[in-house]
C-alpha atoms as a PDB file:
ATOM      1  CA  MET A   1     -28.952  -3.336  -6.884  1.00  0.00           C
ATOM      2  CA  THR A   2     -28.522  -7.039  -6.319  1.00  0.00           C
ATOM      3  CA  ARG A   3     -25.947  -8.588  -4.058  1.00  0.00           C
ATOM      4  CA  GLU A   4     -24.126 -10.038  -7.087  1.00  0.00           C
ATOM      5  CA  THR A   5     -23.937  -6.612  -8.760  1.00  0.00           C
ATOM      6  CA  ASP A   6     -22.723  -5.047  -5.516  1.00  0.00           C
ATOM      7  CA  THR A   7     -20.053  -7.738  -5.108  1.00  0.00           C
ATOM      8  CA  ALA A   8     -18.943  -7.401  -8.743  1.00  0.00           C
ATOM      9  CA  GLY A   9     -18.668  -3.628  -8.298  1.00  0.00           C
ATOM     10  CA  ALA A  10     -16.607  -4.077  -5.158  1.00  0.00           C
ATOM     11  CA  TRP A  11     -14.235  -6.449  -6.956  1.00  0.00           C
ATOM     12  CA  ARG A  12     -13.900  -4.003  -9.864  1.00  0.00           C
ATOM     13  CA  ARG A  13     -13.068  -1.169  -7.464  1.00  0.00           C
ATOM     14  CA  ALA A  14     -10.552  -3.360  -5.616  1.00  0.00           C
ATOM     15  CA  VAL A  15      -8.836  -4.435  -8.844  1.00  0.00           C
ATOM     16  CA  LEU A  16      -8.812  -0.833 -10.095  1.00  0.00           C
ATOM     17  CA  SER A  17      -7.281   0.359  -6.811  1.00  0.00           C
ATOM     18  CA  LEU A  18      -4.609  -2.339  -6.937  1.00  0.00           C
ATOM     19  CA  GLY A  19      -3.889  -1.469 -10.565  1.00  0.00           C
ATOM     20  CA  ILE A  20      -3.506   2.211  -9.728  1.00  0.00           C
ATOM     21  CA  ALA A  21      -1.223   1.357  -6.820  1.00  0.00           C
ATOM     22  CA  ALA A  22       0.893  -0.901  -9.053  1.00  0.00           C
ATOM     23  CA  VAL A  23       1.254   1.760 -11.747  1.00  0.00           C
ATOM     24  CA  LEU A  24       2.108   4.468  -9.209  1.00  0.00           C
ATOM     25  CA  THR A  25       4.639   2.180  -7.570  1.00  0.00           C
ATOM     26  CA  ALA A  26       6.267   1.392 -10.928  1.00  0.00           C
ATOM     27  CA  VAL A  27       6.461   5.097 -11.811  1.00  0.00           C
ATOM     28  CA  LEU A  28       7.855   5.937  -8.386  1.00  0.00           C
ATOM     29  CA  PHE A  29      10.487   3.197  -8.580  1.00  0.00           C
ATOM     30  CA  ALA A  30      11.525   4.222 -12.095  1.00  0.00           C
ATOM     31  CA  ALA A  31      11.283   7.998 -12.068  1.00  0.00           C
ATOM     32  CA  VAL A  32      11.929   9.367  -8.582  1.00  0.00           C
ATOM     33  CA  PRO A  33      15.534  10.193  -7.754  1.00  0.00           C
ATOM     34  CA  PRO A  34      16.912   9.060  -4.400  1.00  0.00           C
ATOM     35  CA  ALA A  35      17.532  12.729  -3.496  1.00  0.00           C
ATOM     36  CA  LEU A  36      13.806  13.009  -2.827  1.00  0.00           C
ATOM     37  CA  TYR A  37      13.955  10.313  -0.131  1.00  0.00           C
ATOM     38  CA  LEU A  38      13.080  12.658   2.751  1.00  0.00           C
ATOM     39  CA  TRP A  39      10.161  14.179   0.819  1.00  0.00           C
ATOM     40  CA  ILE A  40       8.819  10.713   0.033  1.00  0.00           C
ATOM     41  CA  LYS A  41       9.219   9.791   3.695  1.00  0.00           C
ATOM     42  CA  ALA A  42       7.282  12.898   4.791  1.00  0.00           C
ATOM     43  CA  LEU A  43       4.484  12.141   2.319  1.00  0.00           C
ATOM     44  CA  HIS A  44       4.410   8.542   3.551  1.00  0.00           C
ATOM     45  CA  VAL A  45       3.987   9.688   7.168  1.00  0.00           C
ATOM     46  CA  ILE A  46       1.185  12.073   6.107  1.00  0.00           C
ATOM     47  CA  ALA A  47      -0.553   9.254   4.216  1.00  0.00           C
ATOM     48  CA  VAL A  48      -0.226   6.877   7.167  1.00  0.00           C
ATOM     49  CA  ILE A  49      -1.648   9.466   9.586  1.00  0.00           C
ATOM     50  CA  SER A  50      -4.593  10.075   7.240  1.00  0.00           C
ATOM     51  CA  TRP A  51      -5.182   6.341   6.783  1.00  0.00           C
ATOM     52  CA  MET A  52      -5.074   5.709  10.521  1.00  0.00           C
ATOM     53  CA  ALA A  53      -7.383   8.632  11.301  1.00  0.00           C
ATOM     54  CA  GLY A  54      -9.975   7.159   8.956  1.00  0.00           C
ATOM     55  CA  MET A  55      -9.431   3.603  10.206  1.00  0.00           C
ATOM     56  CA  LEU A  56     -10.039   4.777  13.772  1.00  0.00           C
ATOM     57  CA  TYR A  57     -13.067   6.938  12.919  1.00  0.00           C
ATOM     58  CA  LEU A  58     -14.976   4.588  10.596  1.00  0.00           C
ATOM     59  CA  PRO A  59     -15.673   1.845  13.178  1.00  0.00           C
ATOM     60  CA  ARG A  60     -16.776   4.582  15.601  1.00  0.00           C
ATOM     61  CA  LEU A  61     -19.325   5.703  13.007  1.00  0.00           C
ATOM     62  CA  PHE A  62     -20.461   2.072  12.781  1.00  0.00           C
ATOM     63  CA  VAL A  63     -21.004   2.005  16.562  1.00  0.00           C
ATOM     64  CA  TYR A  64     -23.437   4.902  16.262  1.00  0.00           C
ATOM     65  CA  HIS A  65     -24.943   3.686  12.991  1.00  0.00           C
ATOM     66  CA  ALA A  66     -25.693   0.242  14.442  1.00  0.00           C
ATOM     67  CA  GLY A  67     -27.767   1.948  17.112  1.00  0.00           C
ATOM     68  CA  VAL A  68     -30.214   3.702  14.775  1.00  0.00           C
ATOM     69  CA  ARG A  69     -33.165   2.346  12.829  1.00  0.00           C
ATOM     70  CA  ALA A  70     -32.437   1.318   9.228  1.00  0.00           C
ATOM     71  CA  GLY A  71     -33.912   3.806   6.773  1.00  0.00           C
ATOM     72  CA  SER A  72     -34.113   6.624   9.325  1.00  0.00           C
ATOM     73  CA  SER A  73     -32.713  10.064   8.512  1.00  0.00           C
ATOM     74  CA  GLU A  74     -29.863   9.379  10.972  1.00  0.00           C
ATOM     75  CA  SER A  75     -29.049   6.125   9.184  1.00  0.00           C
ATOM     76  CA  GLU A  76     -28.985   7.892   5.829  1.00  0.00           C
ATOM     77  CA  THR A  77     -26.641  10.555   7.227  1.00  0.00           C
ATOM     78  CA  PHE A  78     -24.277   7.868   8.557  1.00  0.00           C
ATOM     79  CA  LYS A  79     -24.288   6.172   5.143  1.00  0.00           C
ATOM     80  CA  VAL A  80     -23.114   9.367   3.466  1.00  0.00           C
ATOM     81  CA  MET A  81     -20.447   9.984   6.116  1.00  0.00           C
ATOM     82  CA  GLU A  82     -19.138   6.409   5.912  1.00  0.00           C
ATOM     83  CA  ARG A  83     -19.045   6.330   2.110  1.00  0.00           C
ATOM     84  CA  ARG A  84     -17.246   9.679   1.852  1.00  0.00           C
ATOM     85  CA  LEU A  85     -14.747   8.819   4.573  1.00  0.00           C
ATOM     86  CA  LEU A  86     -13.875   5.544   2.856  1.00  0.00           C
ATOM     87  CA  ARG A  87     -13.741   6.820  -0.729  1.00  0.00           C
ATOM     88  CA  PHE A  88     -12.143  10.221  -0.263  1.00  0.00           C
ATOM     89  CA  ILE A  89      -9.830   9.747   2.715  1.00  0.00           C
ATOM     90  CA  ILE A  90      -9.180   6.139   3.719  1.00  0.00           C
ATOM     91  CA  ASN A  91      -8.775   4.531   0.273  1.00  0.00           C
ATOM     92  CA  PRO A  92      -6.489   7.198  -1.240  1.00  0.00           C
ATOM     93  CA  ALA A  93      -4.442   7.395   1.973  1.00  0.00           C
ATOM     94  CA  MET A  94      -3.960   3.610   2.024  1.00  0.00           C
ATOM     95  CA  ILE A  95      -2.844   3.553  -1.613  1.00  0.00           C
ATOM     96  CA  ALA A  96      -0.396   6.425  -0.995  1.00  0.00           C
ATOM     97  CA  ALA A  97       0.930   4.769   2.181  1.00  0.00           C
ATOM     98  CA  TRP A  98       1.555   1.496   0.336  1.00  0.00           C
ATOM     99  CA  VAL A  99       3.124   3.051  -2.760  1.00  0.00           C
ATOM    100  CA  LEU A 100       5.384   5.407  -0.847  1.00  0.00           C
ATOM    101  CA  GLY A 101       6.183   2.804   1.806  1.00  0.00           C
ATOM    102  CA  LEU A 102       7.261   0.222  -0.742  1.00  0.00           C
ATOM    103  CA  TRP A 103       9.530   2.774  -2.389  1.00  0.00           C
ATOM    104  CA  LEU A 104      11.054   3.666   0.993  1.00  0.00           C
ATOM    105  CA  ALA A 105      11.550  -0.020   1.860  1.00  0.00           C
ATOM    106  CA  TRP A 106      13.292  -0.564  -1.460  1.00  0.00           C
ATOM    107  CA  LYS A 107      15.456   2.575  -1.536  1.00  0.00           C
ATOM    108  CA  GLY A 108      16.222   2.743   2.161  1.00  0.00           C
ATOM    109  CA  PHE A 109      16.531  -0.885   3.183  1.00  0.00           C
ATOM    110  CA  GLY A 110      16.552  -3.040   0.053  1.00  0.00           C
ATOM    111  CA  PHE A 111      13.555  -4.891   1.477  1.00  0.00           C
ATOM    112  CA  SER A 112      15.838  -6.450   4.088  1.00  0.00           C
ATOM    113  CA  GLY A 113      15.577  -6.667   7.848  1.00  0.00           C
ATOM    114  CA  GLY A 114      13.419  -8.784  10.114  1.00  0.00           C
ATOM    115  CA  TRP A 115      11.739  -5.707  11.555  1.00  0.00           C
ATOM    116  CA  LEU A 116      10.752  -4.606   8.026  1.00  0.00           C
ATOM    117  CA  HIS A 117       9.255  -7.992   7.187  1.00  0.00           C
ATOM    118  CA  ALA A 118       7.283  -7.965  10.457  1.00  0.00           C
ATOM    119  CA  LYS A 119       6.144  -4.411   9.737  1.00  0.00           C
ATOM    120  CA  LEU A 120       4.995  -5.378   6.248  1.00  0.00           C
ATOM    121  CA  ALA A 121       3.064  -8.304   7.741  1.00  0.00           C
ATOM    122  CA  ALA A 122       1.348  -5.930  10.171  1.00  0.00           C
ATOM    123  CA  VAL A 123       0.524  -3.534   7.315  1.00  0.00           C
ATOM    124  CA  VAL A 124      -0.962  -6.437   5.343  1.00  0.00           C
ATOM    125  CA  LEU A 125      -3.156  -7.201   8.375  1.00  0.00           C
ATOM    126  CA  LEU A 126      -4.138  -3.529   8.598  1.00  0.00           C
ATOM    127  CA  SER A 127      -5.053  -3.661   4.906  1.00  0.00           C
ATOM    128  CA  ALA A 128      -7.228  -6.714   5.591  1.00  0.00           C
ATOM    129  CA  VAL A 129      -9.019  -4.767   8.333  1.00  0.00           C
ATOM    130  CA  HIS A 130      -9.441  -1.972   5.785  1.00  0.00           C
ATOM    131  CA  GLY A 131     -11.120  -4.461   3.446  1.00  0.00           C
ATOM    132  CA  TYR A 132     -13.387  -5.682   6.255  1.00  0.00           C
ATOM    133  CA  LEU A 133     -14.434  -2.098   7.002  1.00  0.00           C
ATOM    134  CA  ALA A 134     -15.031  -1.399   3.306  1.00  0.00           C
ATOM    135  CA  LYS A 135     -17.344  -4.415   3.158  1.00  0.00           C
ATOM    136  CA  ALA A 136     -19.143  -3.126   6.255  1.00  0.00           C
ATOM    137  CA  VAL A 137     -19.714   0.244   4.549  1.00  0.00           C
ATOM    138  CA  ARG A 138     -21.446  -1.603   1.703  1.00  0.00           C
ATOM    139  CA  LEU A 139     -23.532  -3.656   4.144  1.00  0.00           C
ATOM    140  CA  PHE A 140     -24.598  -0.589   6.116  1.00  0.00           C
ATOM    141  CA  ALA A 141     -25.425   1.197   2.828  1.00  0.00           C
ATOM    142  CA  ALA A 142     -27.740  -1.679   1.892  1.00  0.00           C
ATOM    143  CA  ASP A 143     -29.247  -1.797   5.423  1.00  0.00           C
ATOM    144  CA  ARG A 144     -27.822  -5.302   5.852  1.00  0.00           C
ATOM    145  CA  ASN A 145     -25.583  -4.822   8.884  1.00  0.00           C
ATOM    146  CA  THR A 146     -26.100  -7.653  11.361  1.00  0.00           C
ATOM    147  CA  ARG A 147     -23.361  -6.705  13.828  1.00  0.00           C
ATOM    148  CA  PRO A 148     -24.198  -4.964  17.107  1.00  0.00           C
ATOM    149  CA  ALA A 149     -22.503  -1.776  18.302  1.00  0.00           C
ATOM    150  CA  ARG A 150     -20.412  -3.865  20.713  1.00  0.00           C
ATOM    151  CA  HIS A 151     -18.792  -5.675  17.765  1.00  0.00           C
ATOM    152  CA  TRP A 152     -17.798  -2.373  16.172  1.00  0.00           C
ATOM    153  CA  ARG A 153     -16.368  -1.132  19.490  1.00  0.00           C
ATOM    154  CA  MET A 154     -14.073  -4.163  19.555  1.00  0.00           C
ATOM    155  CA  VAL A 155     -13.170  -3.825  15.859  1.00  0.00           C
ATOM    156  CA  ASN A 156     -12.249  -0.202  16.585  1.00  0.00           C
ATOM    157  CA  GLU A 157      -9.323  -1.447  18.704  1.00  0.00           C
ATOM    158  CA  ILE A 158      -7.710  -3.577  15.978  1.00  0.00           C
ATOM    159  CA  PRO A 159      -6.193  -0.683  13.969  1.00  0.00           C
ATOM    160  CA  THR A 160      -4.849   0.793  17.224  1.00  0.00           C
ATOM    161  CA  VAL A 161      -3.067  -2.420  18.186  1.00  0.00           C
ATOM    162  CA  LEU A 162      -1.617  -2.804  14.681  1.00  0.00           C
ATOM    163  CA  MET A 163      -0.524   0.847  14.634  1.00  0.00           C
ATOM    164  CA  ILE A 164       1.315   0.409  17.950  1.00  0.00           C
ATOM    165  CA  ALA A 165       3.093  -2.688  16.635  1.00  0.00           C
ATOM    166  CA  ILE A 166       4.049  -0.943  13.383  1.00  0.00           C
ATOM    167  CA  VAL A 167       5.427   2.140  15.122  1.00  0.00           C
ATOM    168  CA  ILE A 168       7.478   0.033  17.532  1.00  0.00           C
ATOM    169  CA  LEU A 169       8.872  -2.028  14.645  1.00  0.00           C
ATOM    170  CA  VAL A 170       9.825   1.096  12.661  1.00  0.00           C
ATOM    171  CA  VAL A 171      11.298   3.131  15.509  1.00  0.00           C
ATOM    172  CA  VAL A 172      12.881   0.445  17.719  1.00  0.00           C
ATOM    173  CA  LYS A 173      13.730  -2.084  14.981  1.00  0.00           C
ATOM    174  CA  PRO A 174      13.858  -4.897  17.568  1.00  0.00           C
ATOM    175  CA  PHE A 175      15.177  -7.504  15.108  1.00  0.00           C
END
């Protein structure tokens, strides 16, 4: 697989994911009665916890993966673990968190409030980190990682810092 094919595939998957999220959001906005607000909120919290668990674990896998020889049996095992974590846990959890969160922001707050705008900005940043990690999965899969384990240790802290900011904004609503 060439780099161009890999990049085109990544763009197709990203566009497909955004399309799915848009359709689910439209259906949720149009078809879900406000009486289900607390159920939507519970599902949103579950999705966020799942997303964060994956976002905290994936860079840790990269720390260990960066320390093994490319093409080794350990490297191949890490590739499978990273791909499955991203595709079956992190990506679906992020889509669910966004779709449900947007519905909650609309129904519960009318997209108003400085704290909500700051929270959305932090979630956009978390989504960008998600994209960076997804790219890293592809690079590790192609044995093209150039980052040392130390880099991945530092990257591992970014989702934690964003999570702390998001929780404070949601619970304390400082502005």
